[in-house]
Amino acid sequence: MLSLKKRITLNQTTESLRNSLIHSGLVEIPADGSIGISAASLNEFSGDAADRIITATAMTSGALLLTADRKILNWSGTCNCHDARK
């Protein structure tokens, strides 16, 4: 979606990027009910459903969230985030 909105530029198709990342060791975490409940209960968080699900996924799984999203990075809650802009 970000590439369609011209907010990021990809040098390959989304499918090729995903396949490359998985081949490099990226592990996909499927969204489930516990993630949905966590996403819905994030206090003082962005109203963007995708941001909520992404953040709740990282929190529920204990994963590091690599993001350049200022709303997520500036959120006062507890999430193991790393600023991708640095």
Protein backbone atom coordinates (compact mmCIF):
# COMPACT_ATOMS: atom_id res chain seq x y z
CA MET A 1 0.00 0.00 0.00
CA LEU A 2 2.80 2.42 0.80
CA SER A 3 4.36 1.87 -2.60
CA LEU A 4 1.00 2.42 -4.32
CA LYS A 5 0.67 5.70 -2.41
CA LYS A 6 4.24 6.63 -3.49
CA ARG A 7 5.35 6.84 0.15
CA ILE A 8 8.11 4.30 -0.45
CA THR A 9 9.89 3.14 -3.60
CA LEU A 10 10.51 -0.56 -4.14
CA ASN A 11 13.07 -1.82 -6.62
CA GLN A 12 11.18 -5.08 -7.03
CA THR A 13 7.65 -6.38 -6.79
CA THR A 14 6.13 -6.83 -3.36
CA GLU A 15 6.02 -10.60 -3.93
CA SER A 16 9.72 -10.69 -4.87
CA LEU A 17 10.62 -8.64 -1.80
CA ARG A 18 8.62 -10.95 0.47
CA ASN A 19 10.21 -14.06 -1.04
CA SER A 20 13.68 -12.55 -0.65
CA LEU A 21 13.07 -11.64 2.98
CA ILE A 22 11.69 -15.09 3.82
CA HIS A 23 14.68 -16.70 2.08
CA SER A 24 16.93 -14.48 4.25
CA GLY A 25 15.31 -15.76 7.44
CA LEU A 26 12.35 -13.47 8.05
CA VAL A 27 9.63 -15.31 9.96
CA GLU A 28 6.03 -14.33 9.30
CA ILE A 29 3.77 -14.20 12.34
CA PRO A 30 0.14 -15.01 11.55
CA ALA A 31 -2.48 -12.73 13.09
CA ASP A 32 -4.80 -14.54 15.48
CA GLY A 33 -7.48 -13.71 18.02
CA SER A 34 -5.07 -12.77 20.80
CA ILE A 35 -3.39 -10.26 18.51
CA GLY A 36 -6.80 -8.84 17.57
CA ILE A 37 -7.77 -8.44 21.22
CA SER A 38 -4.43 -6.79 21.99
CA ALA A 39 -4.79 -4.45 19.01
CA ALA A 40 -8.27 -3.39 20.11
CA SER A 41 -7.11 -2.69 23.64
CA LEU A 42 -4.10 -0.46 22.86
CA ASN A 43 -4.72 2.71 24.84
CA GLU A 44 -4.00 6.15 23.44
CA PHE A 45 -2.87 4.62 20.17
CA SER A 46 -3.44 5.51 16.53
CA GLY A 47 -6.89 4.78 15.13
CA ASP A 48 -5.25 3.10 12.13
CA ALA A 49 -6.21 -0.58 12.29
CA ALA A 50 -3.10 -1.73 10.41
CA ASP A 51 -0.81 0.14 12.84
CA ARG A 52 -2.66 -1.44 15.76
CA ILE A 53 -2.33 -4.96 14.34
CA ILE A 54 1.34 -4.50 13.47
CA THR A 55 2.17 -3.16 16.93
CA ALA A 56 0.07 -5.75 18.75
CA THR A 57 1.75 -8.52 16.74
CA ALA A 58 5.20 -7.35 17.82
CA MET A 59 4.08 -6.99 21.42
CA THR A 60 2.31 -10.36 21.60
CA SER A 61 5.17 -12.27 19.99
CA GLY A 62 8.00 -10.38 21.69
CA ALA A 63 9.40 -9.40 18.29
CA LEU A 64 11.33 -6.24 17.46
CA LEU A 65 9.22 -3.86 15.38
CA LEU A 66 11.31 -2.06 12.78
CA THR A 67 9.33 0.98 11.67
CA ALA A 68 9.63 4.54 10.41
CA ASP A 69 6.05 5.32 11.47
CA ARG A 70 6.21 8.33 13.80
CA LYS A 71 2.86 7.52 15.43
CA ILE A 72 4.13 4.12 16.50
CA LEU A 73 7.58 5.39 17.52
CA ASN A 74 6.09 8.25 19.58
CA TRP A 75 3.48 6.09 21.30
CA SER A 76 3.95 6.07 25.09
CA GLY A 77 3.05 2.38 25.42
CA THR A 78 5.43 -0.54 25.70
CA CYS A 79 6.60 -1.96 22.40
CA ASN A 80 10.09 -3.05 21.41
CA CYS A 81 10.51 -0.69 18.44
CA HIS A 82 13.50 0.39 16.41
CA ASP A 83 13.46 3.52 14.27
CA ALA A 84 14.07 2.35 10.69
CA ARG A 85 15.08 5.88 9.65
CA LYS A 86 18.37 5.59 11.57
